[in-house]
Amino acid sequence: MSDTPPSGFSQIIHHPQYFIPTGDTQFLAQNVLFKVHRYFFEREPSSFRDIFSDNEGNTKPYTLDVKPEDFAHFLWVFYDEDFEYENQPLERWLVILRLATRWGFRKVRKLVVRQLEKLDLEPIDKIKIYSDFRIDAQLLIPSYSTLAKSPTLPPLSEAAKLDIETILKLTMVREKALQKAAEDGCRSPTSASAGDEDVKRFICEIFDISNANRASTTEPSRGAAGSYVDGVNGTREDSVPTLQNPAPGGRKKNANANGTLNANGQHGKGRTPP
């Protein structure tokens, strides 16, 4: 018998690092099988906790709608024995932040924000990231201030990263800072001539930061229905991951005949390895 997988199917392989013999839960990301400890996915409220509770006793792999390398980055947070969180590339943290936000891992999200605060991010890049992921706007005040007090405007290639509302608000802050400097008697006023506290006050007023929820460092924004929102694409946290699980002995809650599950209880289609 040939070992070549049928046309249209990829051979299932074990992840070289995160197929752990003592693991008690399996996940399939594309054609890569992970075996890890369920504890990490249940110790705080998340999409996984609800799905696990609906499928007690399941031994088949859950299929994730993520890339294997992205899921490996996410698992690294739990399994890094040396806790070497320093000096990690921004790209890794963004992958972890995206998945933590989508799946409702608020403590992981909080960890990522702490690490992002240690990175030397350019003001525009930081504003873009924090805005996309609904991270505490209070943390953006220094970045807004740097742009507002800059003697020159950012190049178009950089400014294009921001939405028009943010650009307009920054322009308003610059104008108010310029006006304040002139009122204070500066002979050749610029926005940089205004005091730091004045600029901070203008930023808080114009960006409405004074009423910002400080808990947003750990929690994404809530949508109209009360569910969390993924800042990148606006999807609800409880719409992912897609987990596929053949339900032995008949249907279970939130499972169809093929056993396909997703985190909001809707049915889908998919396969799991034999």
Protein backbone atom coordinates (compact mmCIF):
# COMPACT_ATOMS: atom_id res chain seq x y z
CA MET A 1 0.00 0.00 0.00
CA SER A 2 1.35 3.39 -0.95
CA ASP A 3 2.14 5.89 1.81
CA THR A 4 1.31 8.76 -0.51
CA PRO A 5 -1.76 10.65 0.75
CA PRO A 6 -4.78 10.82 -1.58
CA SER A 7 -4.98 13.71 -4.00
CA GLY A 8 -6.10 16.90 -2.28
CA PHE A 9 -4.99 15.72 1.19
CA SER A 10 -1.75 16.50 2.99
CA GLN A 11 -0.06 13.92 5.15
CA ILE A 12 -0.55 14.64 8.85
CA ILE A 13 2.73 15.34 10.64
CA HIS A 14 3.54 15.89 14.29
CA HIS A 15 4.84 19.28 15.29
CA PRO A 16 8.53 18.81 16.18
CA GLN A 17 8.26 20.79 19.44
CA TYR A 18 4.64 20.83 20.51
CA PHE A 19 3.59 17.23 20.10
CA ILE A 20 4.15 16.46 23.76
CA PRO A 21 3.76 12.85 24.92
CA THR A 22 2.15 13.88 28.21
CA GLY A 23 -0.31 16.20 26.50
CA ASP A 24 -4.00 15.42 26.88
CA THR A 25 -5.51 17.45 24.02
CA GLN A 26 -4.74 17.44 20.30
CA PHE A 27 -5.13 20.27 17.81
CA LEU A 28 -4.79 20.10 14.05
CA ALA A 29 -3.62 23.23 12.23
CA GLN A 30 -3.61 22.56 8.50
CA ASN A 31 -1.68 19.28 8.32
CA VAL A 32 0.31 19.71 11.53
CA LEU A 33 -0.81 17.88 14.66
CA PHE A 34 -0.18 19.36 18.11
CA LYS A 35 -0.51 17.51 21.41
CA VAL A 36 -0.51 19.83 24.39
CA HIS A 37 -1.96 20.28 27.85
CA ARG A 38 -5.58 21.26 28.07
CA TYR A 39 -4.92 23.09 31.33
CA PHE A 40 -3.48 26.12 29.54
CA PHE A 41 -6.69 26.52 27.53
CA GLU A 42 -9.02 26.17 30.49
CA ARG A 43 -7.40 28.15 33.27
CA GLU A 44 -9.07 31.37 32.18
CA PRO A 45 -12.36 32.00 30.37
CA SER A 46 -11.89 31.53 26.62
CA SER A 47 -13.55 30.11 23.54
CA PHE A 48 -11.83 26.81 24.25
CA ARG A 49 -13.26 26.39 27.74
CA ASP A 50 -16.82 26.46 26.40
CA ILE A 51 -16.09 24.01 23.62
CA PHE A 52 -14.26 21.60 25.91
CA SER A 53 -17.20 21.63 28.31
CA ASP A 54 -19.54 20.64 25.47
CA ASN A 55 -17.32 17.72 24.42
CA GLU A 56 -16.19 16.09 27.63
CA GLY A 57 -14.38 12.84 26.95
CA ASN A 58 -13.44 13.68 23.36
CA THR A 59 -10.13 12.17 22.24
CA LYS A 60 -10.09 13.30 18.61
CA PRO A 61 -8.08 16.35 17.43
CA TYR A 62 -9.75 19.75 17.30
CA THR A 63 -9.11 21.51 14.00
CA LEU A 64 -7.98 25.13 14.20
CA ASP A 65 -8.36 27.73 11.48
CA VAL A 66 -4.84 29.12 11.99
CA LYS A 67 -1.42 28.54 10.50
CA PRO A 68 0.74 25.96 12.31
CA GLU A 69 3.54 28.46 12.82
CA ASP A 70 1.12 30.96 14.36
CA PHE A 71 -0.27 28.40 16.79
CA ALA A 72 3.30 27.40 17.71
CA HIS A 73 4.04 31.05 18.55
CA PHE A 74 0.96 31.10 20.77
CA LEU A 75 1.98 27.90 22.55
CA TRP A 76 5.45 29.30 23.14
CA VAL A 77 3.96 31.67 25.73
CA PHE A 78 2.93 28.67 27.84
CA TYR A 79 5.89 26.39 27.23
CA ASP A 80 8.91 28.67 27.27
CA GLU A 81 10.71 27.16 30.26
CA ASP A 82 13.07 30.11 30.66
CA PHE A 83 10.36 32.78 30.31
CA GLU A 84 12.58 34.58 27.82
CA TYR A 85 10.00 37.15 26.82
CA GLU A 86 12.56 39.91 26.33
CA ASN A 87 14.05 40.72 22.94
CA GLN A 88 11.43 38.86 20.95
CA PRO A 89 10.57 40.27 17.51
CA LEU A 90 7.50 42.44 17.11
CA GLU A 91 6.04 40.04 14.54
CA ARG A 92 5.88 37.22 17.10
CA TRP A 93 4.08 39.37 19.63
CA LEU A 94 1.56 40.53 17.02
CA VAL A 95 0.69 36.94 16.13
CA ILE A 96 0.21 36.11 19.80
CA LEU A 97 -1.81 39.27 20.38
CA ARG A 98 -4.10 38.51 17.44
CA LEU A 99 -4.85 34.98 18.63
CA ALA A 100 -5.18 35.98 22.29
CA THR A 101 -7.68 38.65 21.29
CA ARG A 102 -9.69 36.36 19.04
CA TRP A 103 -9.81 33.51 21.53
CA GLY A 104 -10.36 35.57 24.67
CA PHE A 105 -7.06 34.92 26.49
CA ARG A 106 -7.00 38.16 28.46
CA LYS A 107 -3.96 37.32 30.58
CA VAL A 108 -1.94 36.50 27.48
CA ARG A 109 -3.12 39.74 25.92
CA LYS A 110 -1.98 41.61 29.02
CA LEU A 111 1.44 39.94 28.77
CA VAL A 112 1.78 40.99 25.14
CA VAL A 113 0.90 44.61 25.93
CA ARG A 114 3.55 44.68 28.66
CA GLN A 115 6.13 43.45 26.16
CA LEU A 116 5.02 45.89 23.47
CA GLU A 117 5.52 48.71 25.97
CA LYS A 118 9.17 47.68 26.24
CA LEU A 119 9.77 47.85 22.49
CA ASP A 120 11.05 50.98 20.81
CA LEU A 121 8.16 51.41 18.39
CA GLU A 122 7.85 54.37 16.07
CA PRO A 123 4.90 56.58 17.11
CA ILE A 124 2.85 55.88 13.99
CA ASP A 125 3.45 52.14 14.17
CA LYS A 126 2.46 52.07 17.83
CA ILE A 127 -0.71 54.08 17.17
CA LYS A 128 -1.63 51.74 14.33
CA ILE A 129 -1.12 48.57 16.38
CA TYR A 130 -2.78 49.79 19.54
CA SER A 131 -5.74 51.20 17.65
CA ASP A 132 -6.22 48.03 15.64
CA PHE A 133 -6.25 45.88 18.77
CA ARG A 134 -8.18 48.31 20.98
CA ILE A 135 -5.34 48.60 23.49
CA ASP A 136 -5.62 51.24 26.21
CA ALA A 137 -5.55 54.64 24.51
CA GLN A 138 -3.81 56.11 27.56
CA LEU A 139 -0.67 54.30 26.44
CA LEU A 140 -0.72 56.24 23.17
CA ILE A 141 -0.48 59.70 24.71
CA PRO A 142 3.35 59.87 24.38
CA SER A 143 3.13 58.81 20.72
CA TYR A 144 0.41 61.35 19.96
CA SER A 145 2.46 64.02 21.74
CA THR A 146 5.60 63.21 19.72
CA LEU A 147 3.71 63.60 16.45
CA ALA A 148 1.86 66.70 17.60
CA LYS A 149 5.06 68.48 18.66
CA SER A 150 7.16 67.35 15.70
CA PRO A 151 8.44 70.32 13.66
CA THR A 152 7.64 68.43 10.46
CA LEU A 153 4.72 66.30 9.33
CA PRO A 154 5.35 62.58 8.77
CA PRO A 155 5.91 61.47 5.17
CA LEU A 156 2.85 60.32 3.26
CA SER A 157 4.05 56.73 3.28
CA GLU A 158 3.94 56.75 7.09
CA ALA A 159 0.81 58.86 7.49
CA ALA A 160 -1.04 56.42 5.22
CA LYS A 161 -0.86 53.84 8.02
CA LEU A 162 -3.32 55.93 10.06
CA ASP A 163 -7.00 56.42 9.40
CA ILE A 164 -8.27 59.83 8.38
CA GLU A 165 -9.94 60.47 11.75
CA THR A 166 -6.67 60.02 13.61
CA ILE A 167 -4.86 62.31 11.18
CA LEU A 168 -7.50 65.01 11.55
CA LYS A 169 -7.39 64.80 15.32
CA LEU A 170 -3.60 65.07 15.35
CA THR A 171 -3.92 68.15 13.14
CA MET A 172 -6.36 69.65 15.64
CA VAL A 173 -3.92 68.98 18.49
CA ARG A 174 -1.11 70.67 16.57
CA GLU A 175 -3.29 73.71 15.87
CA LYS A 176 -4.36 74.05 19.50
CA ALA A 177 -0.75 73.68 20.66
CA LEU A 178 0.35 76.36 18.22
CA GLN A 179 -2.43 78.67 19.40
CA LYS A 180 -1.51 78.09 23.05
CA ALA A 181 2.14 78.85 22.40
CA ALA A 182 1.17 82.11 20.69
CA GLU A 183 -1.12 83.06 23.59
CA ASP A 184 1.74 82.42 26.01
CA GLY A 185 3.86 85.01 24.22
CA CYS A 186 6.11 82.86 22.04
CA ARG A 187 7.48 85.09 19.27
CA SER A 188 7.78 82.35 16.66
CA PRO A 189 5.30 79.79 17.88
CA THR A 190 5.10 76.21 16.64
CA SER A 191 3.24 73.26 18.06
CA ALA A 192 6.53 72.22 19.70
CA SER A 193 6.54 75.48 21.67
CA ALA A 194 3.57 74.47 23.78
CA GLY A 195 4.14 72.88 27.15
CA ASP A 196 3.99 69.12 27.54
CA GLU A 197 1.04 69.28 29.94
CA ASP A 198 -0.90 71.53 27.58
CA VAL A 199 -0.31 69.15 24.68
CA LYS A 200 -1.33 66.18 26.82
CA ARG A 201 -4.53 67.98 27.80
CA PHE A 202 -5.37 68.74 24.17
CA ILE A 203 -4.74 65.10 23.24
CA CYS A 204 -7.02 63.80 26.00
CA GLU A 205 -9.76 66.24 24.99
CA ILE A 206 -9.63 65.66 21.24
CA PHE A 207 -9.09 61.90 21.37
CA ASP A 208 -11.52 61.54 24.28
CA ILE A 209 -8.97 59.61 26.28
CA SER A 210 -10.03 60.94 29.67
CA ASN A 211 -12.87 58.40 29.75
CA ALA A 212 -10.77 55.52 28.43
CA ASN A 213 -11.20 52.21 30.20
CA ARG A 214 -7.85 51.25 31.67
CA ALA A 215 -8.93 47.59 31.62
CA SER A 216 -8.62 47.68 27.84
CA THR A 217 -4.94 46.79 28.18
CA THR A 218 -6.14 43.31 28.99
CA GLU A 219 -9.49 43.24 27.22
CA PRO A 220 -10.48 44.16 23.67
CA SER A 221 -13.44 46.39 23.04
CA ARG A 222 -16.93 44.96 23.29
CA GLY A 223 -19.28 45.05 20.35
CA ALA A 224 -22.92 46.05 20.38
CA ALA A 225 -23.99 42.55 21.40
CA GLY A 226 -21.53 42.54 24.30
CA SER A 227 -19.04 40.12 22.77
CA TYR A 228 -15.41 41.02 22.31
CA VAL A 229 -14.13 42.34 19.02
CA ASP A 230 -10.93 41.44 17.24
CA GLY A 231 -9.42 44.79 16.33
CA VAL A 232 -7.84 43.51 13.15
CA ASN A 233 -10.88 42.42 11.21
CA GLY A 234 -13.81 43.16 13.47
CA THR A 235 -14.69 39.52 14.00
CA ARG A 236 -16.14 38.55 17.33
CA GLU A 237 -13.93 36.63 19.70
CA ASP A 238 -16.55 33.91 19.94
CA SER A 239 -16.60 33.35 16.17
CA VAL A 240 -13.23 31.57 16.30
CA PRO A 241 -11.56 29.16 16.47
CA THR A 242 -13.29 26.67 14.21
CA LEU A 243 -12.98 23.36 16.00
CA GLN A 244 -13.91 20.14 14.29
CA ASN A 245 -14.60 17.11 16.42
CA PRO A 246 -16.34 13.86 15.41
CA ALA A 247 -18.86 13.22 18.17
CA PRO A 248 -18.89 9.46 18.97
CA GLY A 249 -22.20 7.89 19.83
CA GLY A 250 -24.37 10.54 18.25
CA ARG A 251 -24.60 14.30 18.24
CA LYS A 252 -23.53 16.49 21.06
CA LYS A 253 -24.45 20.04 21.82
CA ASN A 254 -23.20 22.39 19.12
CA ALA A 255 -22.15 19.51 16.87
CA ASN A 256 -23.58 18.37 13.58
CA ALA A 257 -23.48 14.91 12.01
CA ASN A 258 -19.89 15.45 10.93
CA GLY A 259 -18.98 16.61 14.40
CA THR A 260 -17.93 20.03 13.13
CA LEU A 261 -17.87 22.68 15.82
CA ASN A 262 -17.12 26.31 16.00
CA ALA A 263 -16.94 28.57 18.97
CA ASN A 264 -20.33 30.20 18.52
CA GLY A 265 -22.16 26.91 18.16
CA GLN A 266 -22.65 27.13 14.39
CA HIS A 267 -22.15 24.10 12.20
CA GLY A 268 -19.50 23.73 9.55
CA LYS A 269 -17.74 21.07 7.56
CA GLY A 270 -14.31 19.55 7.82
CA ARG A 271 -12.22 16.49 8.36
CA THR A 272 -10.04 15.20 11.10
CA PRO A 273 -7.27 12.67 10.75
CA PRO A 274 -8.26 9.03 11.21
